PDB file of N, CA and C in Angstrom:
ATOM      1  N   MET A   1      12.864 -17.692 -22.823  1.00  0.00           N
ATOM      2  CA  MET A   1      14.136 -17.011 -21.977  1.00  0.00           C
ATOM      3  C   MET A   1      14.786 -16.557 -22.655  1.00  0.00           C
ATOM      4  N   PRO A   2      15.279 -15.113 -22.443  1.00  0.00           N
ATOM      5  CA  PRO A   2      15.710 -14.596 -23.310  1.00  0.00           C
ATOM      6  C   PRO A   2      17.529 -15.216 -23.319  1.00  0.00           C
ATOM      7  N   ILE A   3      18.261 -14.664 -24.755  1.00  0.00           N
ATOM      8  CA  ILE A   3      19.193 -15.327 -24.922  1.00  0.00           C
ATOM      9  C   ILE A   3      20.711 -13.904 -24.628  1.00  0.00           C
ATOM     10  N   ILE A   4      19.951 -12.604 -25.097  1.00  0.00           N
ATOM     11  CA  ILE A   4      21.057 -11.594 -24.519  1.00  0.00           C
ATOM     12  C   ILE A   4      21.785 -11.228 -23.008  1.00  0.00           C
ATOM     13  N   LYS A   5      22.931 -11.406 -23.032  1.00  0.00           N
ATOM     14  CA  LYS A   5      22.819 -11.080 -21.156  1.00  0.00           C
ATOM     15  C   LYS A   5      22.318  -9.789 -20.819  1.00  0.00           C
ATOM     16  N   SER A   6      21.838  -8.403 -21.386  1.00  0.00           N
ATOM     17  CA  SER A   6      21.518  -7.523 -20.815  1.00  0.00           C
ATOM     18  C   SER A   6      20.010  -8.218 -20.356  1.00  0.00           C
ATOM     19  N   ALA A   7      19.514  -8.451 -21.363  1.00  0.00           N
ATOM     20  CA  ALA A   7      18.145  -8.985 -21.510  1.00  0.00           C
ATOM     21  C   ALA A   7      17.550 -10.641 -20.162  1.00  0.00           C
ATOM     22  N   ILE A   8      18.547 -11.097 -19.593  1.00  0.00           N
ATOM     23  CA  ILE A   8      18.772 -12.056 -19.252  1.00  0.00           C
ATOM     24  C   ILE A   8      18.622 -11.027 -17.468  1.00  0.00           C
ATOM     25  N   LYS A   9      19.148 -10.198 -17.553  1.00  0.00           N
ATOM     26  CA  LYS A   9      19.600  -9.551 -16.238  1.00  0.00           C
ATOM     27  C   LYS A   9      18.306  -8.226 -15.714  1.00  0.00           C
ATOM     28  N   ARG A  10      17.322  -7.966 -17.526  1.00  0.00           N
ATOM     29  CA  ARG A  10      16.545  -7.064 -17.007  1.00  0.00           C
ATOM     30  C   ARG A  10      15.702  -7.974 -16.363  1.00  0.00           C
ATOM     31  N   ALA A  11      15.490  -9.628 -16.744  1.00  0.00           N
ATOM     32  CA  ALA A  11      14.426 -10.188 -16.307  1.00  0.00           C
ATOM     33  C   ALA A  11      14.642 -10.678 -15.091  1.00  0.00           C
ATOM     34  N   LYS A  12      15.686 -10.832 -14.710  1.00  0.00           N
ATOM     35  CA  LYS A  12      16.121 -11.183 -13.476  1.00  0.00           C
ATOM     36  C   LYS A  12      15.636 -10.156 -12.174  1.00  0.00           C
ATOM     37  N   GLN A  13      15.888  -9.246 -12.901  1.00  0.00           N
ATOM     38  CA  GLN A  13      15.551  -7.444 -12.114  1.00  0.00           C
ATOM     39  C   GLN A  13      14.029  -7.511 -12.055  1.00  0.00           C
ATOM     40  N   THR A  14      13.514  -7.777 -13.235  1.00  0.00           N
ATOM     41  CA  THR A  14      12.199  -7.726 -13.153  1.00  0.00           C
ATOM     42  C   THR A  14      11.263  -8.129 -11.900  1.00  0.00           C
ATOM     43  N   ILE A  15      11.780  -9.551 -11.982  1.00  0.00           N
ATOM     44  CA  ILE A  15      11.073 -10.820 -11.260  1.00  0.00           C
ATOM     45  C   ILE A  15      11.591 -10.179  -9.440  1.00  0.00           C
ATOM     46  N   VAL A  16      12.192  -9.658  -9.057  1.00  0.00           N
ATOM     47  CA  VAL A  16      12.762  -9.096  -7.462  1.00  0.00           C
ATOM     48  C   VAL A  16      12.434  -8.008  -7.273  1.00  0.00           C
ATOM     49  N   ARG A  17      11.507  -7.151  -8.449  1.00  0.00           N
ATOM     50  CA  ARG A  17      10.905  -5.991  -8.298  1.00  0.00           C
ATOM     51  C   ARG A  17       9.334  -6.468  -8.725  1.00  0.00           C
ATOM     52  N   ARG A  18       8.941  -7.341  -9.067  1.00  0.00           N
ATOM     53  CA  ARG A  18       8.021  -7.574  -8.848  1.00  0.00           C
ATOM     54  C   ARG A  18       7.828  -8.300  -7.415  1.00  0.00           C
ATOM     55  N   ASP A  19       8.289  -9.220  -6.834  1.00  0.00           N
ATOM     56  CA  ASP A  19       8.353  -9.424  -5.846  1.00  0.00           C
ATOM     57  C   ASP A  19       7.993  -8.538  -4.494  1.00  0.00           C
ATOM     58  N   ARG A  20       8.767  -7.791  -4.778  1.00  0.00           N
ATOM     59  CA  ARG A  20       8.898  -6.372  -3.588  1.00  0.00           C
ATOM     60  C   ARG A  20       7.596  -5.485  -4.138  1.00  0.00           C
ATOM     61  N   ASN A  21       7.061  -5.375  -5.022  1.00  0.00           N
ATOM     62  CA  ASN A  21       5.906  -4.619  -5.473  1.00  0.00           C
ATOM     63  C   ASN A  21       5.193  -5.476  -4.901  1.00  0.00           C
ATOM     64  N   VAL A  22       4.696  -6.767  -4.931  1.00  0.00           N
ATOM     65  CA  VAL A  22       3.374  -7.647  -4.657  1.00  0.00           C
ATOM     66  C   VAL A  22       3.568  -7.497  -3.286  1.00  0.00           C
ATOM     67  N   ALA A  23       4.755  -7.934  -2.342  1.00  0.00           N
ATOM     68  CA  ALA A  23       4.806  -7.885  -0.889  1.00  0.00           C
ATOM     69  C   ALA A  23       4.477  -6.309  -0.271  1.00  0.00           C
ATOM     70  N   THR A  24       4.408  -5.342  -0.990  1.00  0.00           N
ATOM     71  CA  THR A  24       3.961  -3.642  -0.223  1.00  0.00           C
ATOM     72  C   THR A  24       2.607  -3.813  -0.429  1.00  0.00           C
ATOM     73  N   LYS A  25       2.136  -4.284  -1.618  1.00  0.00           N
ATOM     74  CA  LYS A  25       0.449  -3.668  -2.226  1.00  0.00           C
ATOM     75  C   LYS A  25      -0.148  -5.138  -1.250  1.00  0.00           C
ATOM     76  N   ARG A  26       0.207  -6.414  -0.700  1.00  0.00           N
ATOM     77  CA  ARG A  26      -0.308  -6.862   0.568  1.00  0.00           C
ATOM     78  C   ARG A  26      -0.497  -6.445   1.774  1.00  0.00           C
ATOM     79  N   THR A  27       0.458  -5.882   2.249  1.00  0.00           N
ATOM     80  CA  THR A  27       0.446  -5.080   2.776  1.00  0.00           C
ATOM     81  C   THR A  27      -0.423  -4.179   3.208  1.00  0.00           C
ATOM     82  N   LEU A  28      -0.510  -3.181   2.385  1.00  0.00           N
ATOM     83  CA  LEU A  28      -1.518  -2.175   2.027  1.00  0.00           C
ATOM     84  C   LEU A  28      -2.773  -2.727   1.903  1.00  0.00           C
ATOM     85  N   LYS A  29      -3.426  -3.687   1.384  1.00  0.00           N
ATOM     86  CA  LYS A  29      -4.936  -4.660   1.634  1.00  0.00           C
ATOM     87  C   LYS A  29      -4.807  -4.954   3.104  1.00  0.00           C
ATOM     88  N   GLU A  30      -3.906  -5.661   3.520  1.00  0.00           N
ATOM     89  CA  GLU A  30      -3.966  -6.269   4.892  1.00  0.00           C
ATOM     90  C   GLU A  30      -4.470  -5.214   6.391  1.00  0.00           C
ATOM     91  N   ALA A  31      -3.622  -3.631   5.679  1.00  0.00           N
ATOM     92  CA  ALA A  31      -3.470  -2.829   6.915  1.00  0.00           C
ATOM     93  C   ALA A  31      -5.085  -2.236   6.443  1.00  0.00           C
ATOM     94  N   MET A  32      -5.701  -1.851   5.407  1.00  0.00           N
ATOM     95  CA  MET A  32      -7.148  -1.486   4.626  1.00  0.00           C
ATOM     96  C   MET A  32      -7.922  -2.416   5.623  1.00  0.00           C
ATOM     97  N   LYS A  33      -7.672  -3.684   5.277  1.00  0.00           N
ATOM     98  CA  LYS A  33      -8.694  -4.858   5.726  1.00  0.00           C
ATOM     99  C   LYS A  33      -9.125  -4.364   7.331  1.00  0.00           C
ATOM    100  N   ALA A  34      -8.040  -4.743   7.476  1.00  0.00           N
ATOM    101  CA  ALA A  34      -8.091  -4.795   9.624  1.00  0.00           C
ATOM    102  C   ALA A  34      -8.450  -3.641   9.765  1.00  0.00           C
ATOM    103  N   PHE A  35      -8.380  -2.456   9.373  1.00  0.00           N
ATOM    104  CA  PHE A  35      -9.171  -0.791   9.541  1.00  0.00           C
ATOM    105  C   PHE A  35     -10.491  -1.161   9.410  1.00  0.00           C
ATOM    106  N   VAL A  36     -11.110  -1.179   8.519  1.00  0.00           N
ATOM    107  CA  VAL A  36     -12.461  -1.627   7.915  1.00  0.00           C
ATOM    108  C   VAL A  36     -12.930  -2.915   8.800  1.00  0.00           C
ATOM    109  N   ALA A  37     -12.282  -4.075   9.364  1.00  0.00           N
ATOM    110  CA  ALA A  37     -12.964  -5.049  10.305  1.00  0.00           C
ATOM    111  C   ALA A  37     -12.923  -4.400  11.705  1.00  0.00           C
ATOM    112  N   ALA A  38     -11.956  -3.662  11.978  1.00  0.00           N
ATOM    113  CA  ALA A  38     -11.958  -2.712  13.732  1.00  0.00           C
ATOM    114  C   ALA A  38     -11.777  -2.034  13.155  1.00  0.00           C
ATOM    115  N   PRO A  39     -12.443  -0.480  13.591  1.00  0.00           N
ATOM    116  CA  PRO A  39     -11.805   0.741  13.162  1.00  0.00           C
ATOM    117  C   PRO A  39     -11.631   1.286  14.467  1.00  0.00           C
ATOM    118  N   SER A  40     -10.131   1.239  14.458  1.00  0.00           N
ATOM    119  CA  SER A  40      -9.455   2.354  15.683  1.00  0.00           C
ATOM    120  C   SER A  40      -8.275   3.242  15.197  1.00  0.00           C
ATOM    121  N   ALA A  41      -7.621   3.639  16.407  1.00  0.00           N
ATOM    122  CA  ALA A  41      -6.423   5.240  16.232  1.00  0.00           C
ATOM    123  C   ALA A  41      -5.319   4.122  15.666  1.00  0.00           C
ATOM    124  N   THR A  42      -4.845   2.672  16.220  1.00  0.00           N
ATOM    125  CA  THR A  42      -4.101   2.449  15.762  1.00  0.00           C
ATOM    126  C   THR A  42      -4.038   1.479  14.460  1.00  0.00           C
ATOM    127  N   THR A  43      -4.974   0.873  13.915  1.00  0.00           N
ATOM    128  CA  THR A  43      -5.429   0.644  12.571  1.00  0.00           C
ATOM    129  C   THR A  43      -5.417   1.564  11.680  1.00  0.00           C
ATOM    130  N   LEU A  44      -5.887   2.926  11.825  1.00  0.00           N
ATOM    131  CA  LEU A  44      -5.883   3.735  11.400  1.00  0.00           C
ATOM    132  C   LEU A  44      -4.659   4.073  10.830  1.00  0.00           C
ATOM    133  N   SER A  45      -3.679   4.259  11.466  1.00  0.00           N
ATOM    134  CA  SER A  45      -2.236   4.742  11.140  1.00  0.00           C
ATOM    135  C   SER A  45      -1.966   4.017  10.106  1.00  0.00           C
ATOM    136  N   ALA A  46      -1.777   2.372  10.985  1.00  0.00           N
ATOM    137  CA  ALA A  46      -0.978   1.685  10.123  1.00  0.00           C
ATOM    138  C   ALA A  46      -1.423   1.625   8.903  1.00  0.00           C
ATOM    139  N   ALA A  47      -3.109   2.040   8.817  1.00  0.00           N
ATOM    140  CA  ALA A  47      -3.360   1.915   6.859  1.00  0.00           C
ATOM    141  C   ALA A  47      -3.048   3.016   6.261  1.00  0.00           C
ATOM    142  N   GLN A  48      -2.796   4.211   6.998  1.00  0.00           N
ATOM    143  CA  GLN A  48      -2.351   5.441   6.233  1.00  0.00           C
ATOM    144  C   GLN A  48      -0.945   5.346   6.182  1.00  0.00           C
ATOM    145  N   SER A  49      -0.025   4.817   7.178  1.00  0.00           N
ATOM    146  CA  SER A  49       1.048   4.312   6.823  1.00  0.00           C
ATOM    147  C   SER A  49       1.334   3.534   5.713  1.00  0.00           C
ATOM    148  N   ALA A  50       0.725   2.480   5.393  1.00  0.00           N
ATOM    149  CA  ALA A  50       1.354   1.664   4.754  1.00  0.00           C
ATOM    150  C   ALA A  50       0.884   2.529   2.846  1.00  0.00           C
ATOM    151  N   ILE A  51      -0.274   3.436   2.866  1.00  0.00           N
ATOM    152  CA  ILE A  51      -0.602   4.275   1.863  1.00  0.00           C
ATOM    153  C   ILE A  51       0.673   4.810   1.919  1.00  0.00           C
ATOM    154  N   ASP A  52       1.153   5.749   2.498  1.00  0.00           N
ATOM    155  CA  ASP A  52       2.144   6.323   2.378  1.00  0.00           C
ATOM    156  C   ASP A  52       3.361   5.496   1.591  1.00  0.00           C
ATOM    157  N   THR A  53       3.999   4.364   2.361  1.00  0.00           N
ATOM    158  CA  THR A  53       5.064   3.733   1.612  1.00  0.00           C
ATOM    159  C   THR A  53       4.390   3.380   0.787  1.00  0.00           C
ATOM    160  N   ALA A  54       3.339   2.978   0.319  1.00  0.00           N
ATOM    161  CA  ALA A  54       3.732   2.673  -1.234  1.00  0.00           C
ATOM    162  C   ALA A  54       3.594   3.604  -1.810  1.00  0.00           C
ATOM    163  N   VAL A  55       2.945   4.674  -1.771  1.00  0.00           N
ATOM    164  CA  VAL A  55       3.208   6.021  -2.182  1.00  0.00           C
ATOM    165  C   VAL A  55       5.034   6.519  -2.931  1.00  0.00           C
ATOM    166  N   LYS A  56       6.086   5.714  -1.484  1.00  0.00           N
ATOM    167  CA  LYS A  56       7.052   6.171  -1.481  1.00  0.00           C
ATOM    168  C   LYS A  56       7.404   5.611  -2.343  1.00  0.00           C
ATOM    169  N   LYS A  57       7.159   4.170  -2.608  1.00  0.00           N
ATOM    170  CA  LYS A  57       7.898   3.017  -3.742  1.00  0.00           C
ATOM    171  C   LYS A  57       7.041   3.231  -4.810  1.00  0.00           C
ATOM    172  N   ASN A  58       6.402   4.086  -5.206  1.00  0.00           N
ATOM    173  CA  ASN A  58       6.079   4.340  -6.532  1.00  0.00           C
ATOM    174  C   ASN A  58       5.172   3.457  -6.938  1.00  0.00           C
ATOM    175  N   ILE A  59       4.228   2.395  -6.581  1.00  0.00           N
ATOM    176  CA  ILE A  59       3.182   1.738  -6.555  1.00  0.00           C
ATOM    177  C   ILE A  59       1.693   2.031  -6.180  1.00  0.00           C
ATOM    178  N   LEU A  60       1.759   3.322  -5.751  1.00  0.00           N
ATOM    179  CA  LEU A  60       0.397   4.004  -5.741  1.00  0.00           C
ATOM    180  C   LEU A  60       0.680   5.328  -6.618  1.00  0.00           C
ATOM    181  N   ASN A  61      -0.353   6.021  -7.044  1.00  0.00           N
ATOM    182  CA  ASN A  61       0.098   7.233  -7.619  1.00  0.00           C
ATOM    183  C   ASN A  61      -0.548   7.821  -6.168  1.00  0.00           C
ATOM    184  N   LYS A  62      -0.115   9.415  -6.125  1.00  0.00           N
ATOM    185  CA  LYS A  62       0.024  10.289  -4.806  1.00  0.00           C
ATOM    186  C   LYS A  62      -1.636  10.532  -5.105  1.00  0.00           C
ATOM    187  N   ASN A  63      -2.282  10.629  -6.212  1.00  0.00           N
ATOM    188  CA  ASN A  63      -3.913  11.024  -6.416  1.00  0.00           C
ATOM    189  C   ASN A  63      -4.878   9.868  -5.339  1.00  0.00           C
ATOM    190  N   THR A  64      -4.065   8.805  -5.833  1.00  0.00           N
ATOM    191  CA  THR A  64      -5.413   7.590  -5.309  1.00  0.00           C
ATOM    192  C   THR A  64      -4.512   7.067  -3.932  1.00  0.00           C
ATOM    193  N   ALA A  65      -3.724   7.738  -3.408  1.00  0.00           N
ATOM    194  CA  ALA A  65      -3.626   7.823  -2.127  1.00  0.00           C
ATOM    195  C   ALA A  65      -4.213   8.300  -1.145  1.00  0.00           C
ATOM    196  N   SER A  66      -3.928   9.648  -2.075  1.00  0.00           N
ATOM    197  CA  SER A  66      -5.308  10.935  -1.424  1.00  0.00           C
ATOM    198  C   SER A  66      -6.558  10.329  -1.073  1.00  0.00           C
ATOM    199  N   ARG A  67      -7.062   9.790  -2.184  1.00  0.00           N
ATOM    200  CA  ARG A  67      -8.610   9.250  -2.467  1.00  0.00           C
ATOM    201  C   ARG A  67      -8.838   8.130  -1.240  1.00  0.00           C
ATOM    202  N   ARG A  68      -7.620   7.153  -1.049  1.00  0.00           N
ATOM    203  CA  ARG A  68      -8.058   5.941  -0.008  1.00  0.00           C
ATOM    204  C   ARG A  68      -7.790   6.678   1.705  1.00  0.00           C
ATOM    205  N   LYS A  69      -6.809   7.525   1.414  1.00  0.00           N
ATOM    206  CA  LYS A  69      -6.916   7.911   2.835  1.00  0.00           C
ATOM    207  C   LYS A  69      -7.787   9.000   3.267  1.00  0.00           C
ATOM    208  N   ALA A  70      -8.622   9.809   2.526  1.00  0.00           N
ATOM    209  CA  ALA A  70     -10.073  10.401   2.606  1.00  0.00           C
ATOM    210  C   ALA A  70     -11.168   9.272   2.887  1.00  0.00           C
ATOM    211  N   LEU A  71     -11.007   8.418   2.427  1.00  0.00           N
ATOM    212  CA  LEU A  71     -12.210   7.160   2.860  1.00  0.00           C
ATOM    213  C   LEU A  71     -11.637   6.884   3.994  1.00  0.00           C
ATOM    214  N   LEU A  72     -10.737   6.354   4.493  1.00  0.00           N
ATOM    215  CA  LEU A  72     -10.639   6.267   5.508  1.00  0.00           C
ATOM    216  C   LEU A  72     -10.709   6.931   6.909  1.00  0.00           C
ATOM    217  N   SER A  73     -10.209   8.507   6.331  1.00  0.00           N
ATOM    218  CA  SER A  73     -10.632   9.703   7.572  1.00  0.00           C
ATOM    219  C   SER A  73     -12.592   9.719   7.541  1.00  0.00           C
ATOM    220  N   LYS A  74     -13.291   9.308   6.247  1.00  0.00           N
ATOM    221  CA  LYS A  74     -14.684   9.437   6.657  1.00  0.00           C
ATOM    222  C   LYS A  74     -15.133   8.446   7.265  1.00  0.00           C
ATOM    223  N   THR A  75     -14.350   6.865   7.089  1.00  0.00           N
ATOM    224  CA  THR A  75     -14.905   6.259   7.903  1.00  0.00           C
ATOM    225  C   THR A  75     -14.567   6.221   9.291  1.00  0.00           C
ATOM    226  N   ALA A  76     -13.211   6.374   9.860  1.00  0.00           N
ATOM    227  CA  ALA A  76     -13.311   6.727  10.970  1.00  0.00           C
ATOM    228  C   ALA A  76     -14.107   7.778  11.383  1.00  0.00           C
ATOM    229  N   LYS A  77     -14.323   9.035  10.954  1.00  0.00           N
ATOM    230  CA  LYS A  77     -15.079   9.381  11.583  1.00  0.00           C
ATOM    231  C   LYS A  77     -16.834   9.026  12.151  1.00  0.00           C
ATOM    232  N   ALA A  78     -17.115   8.483  10.467  1.00  0.00           N
ATOM    233  CA  ALA A  78     -18.647   7.709  11.245  1.00  0.00           C
ATOM    234  C   ALA A  78     -18.184   6.631  12.111  1.00  0.00           C
ATOM    235  N   ALA A  79     -17.078   5.997  12.252  1.00  0.00           N
ATOM    236  CA  ALA A  79     -17.160   5.059  13.715  1.00  0.00           C
ATOM    237  C   ALA A  79     -16.786   5.869  14.855  1.00  0.00           C
ATOM    238  N   GLY A  80     -16.713   6.618  14.963  1.00  0.00           N
ATOM    239  CA  GLY A  80     -16.390   8.166  16.240  1.00  0.00           C
ATOM    240  C   GLY A  80     -14.899   7.400  16.444  1.00  0.00           C
ATOM    241  N   VAL A  81     -13.814   6.985  15.584  1.00  0.00           N
ATOM    242  CA  VAL A  81     -12.538   6.590  15.703  1.00  0.00           C
ATOM    243  C   VAL A  81     -12.135   8.482  15.903  1.00  0.00           C
ATOM    244  N   LYS A  82     -11.215   8.791  16.797  1.00  0.00           N
ATOM    245  CA  LYS A  82     -10.197   9.694  16.809  1.00  0.00           C
ATOM    246  C   LYS A  82      -8.961   9.349  16.461  1.00  0.00           C
ATOM    247  N   PRO A  83      -8.060  10.013  15.449  1.00  0.00           N
ATOM    248  CA  PRO A  83      -6.709   9.973  15.225  1.00  0.00           C
ATOM    249  C   PRO A  83      -5.855  10.409  16.683  1.00  0.00           C
ATOM    250  N   ALA A  84      -4.774   9.529  16.579  1.00  0.00           N
ATOM    251  CA  ALA A  84      -3.702   9.515  17.858  1.00  0.00           C
ATOM    252  C   ALA A  84      -2.863  10.965  17.735  1.00  0.00           C
TER     253      ALA A  84
END
């Protein structure tokens, strides 16, 4: 455990940020798995929204997000899902 006051504060902030990031990543993974399990327009939009949220919060790189959204679109097209 740190002794310096600023280091203590930094450690507390790190814990809070990590919990927030893990929650966002978990939401993203659940949305992606839900779409793969049952492709539909609603699950597609939920997955894309989760990706956009992760990018906005700097958890996911924008190029990674673009690649994942392209993969979702490709899967949706193969499953015959039309975006809402």
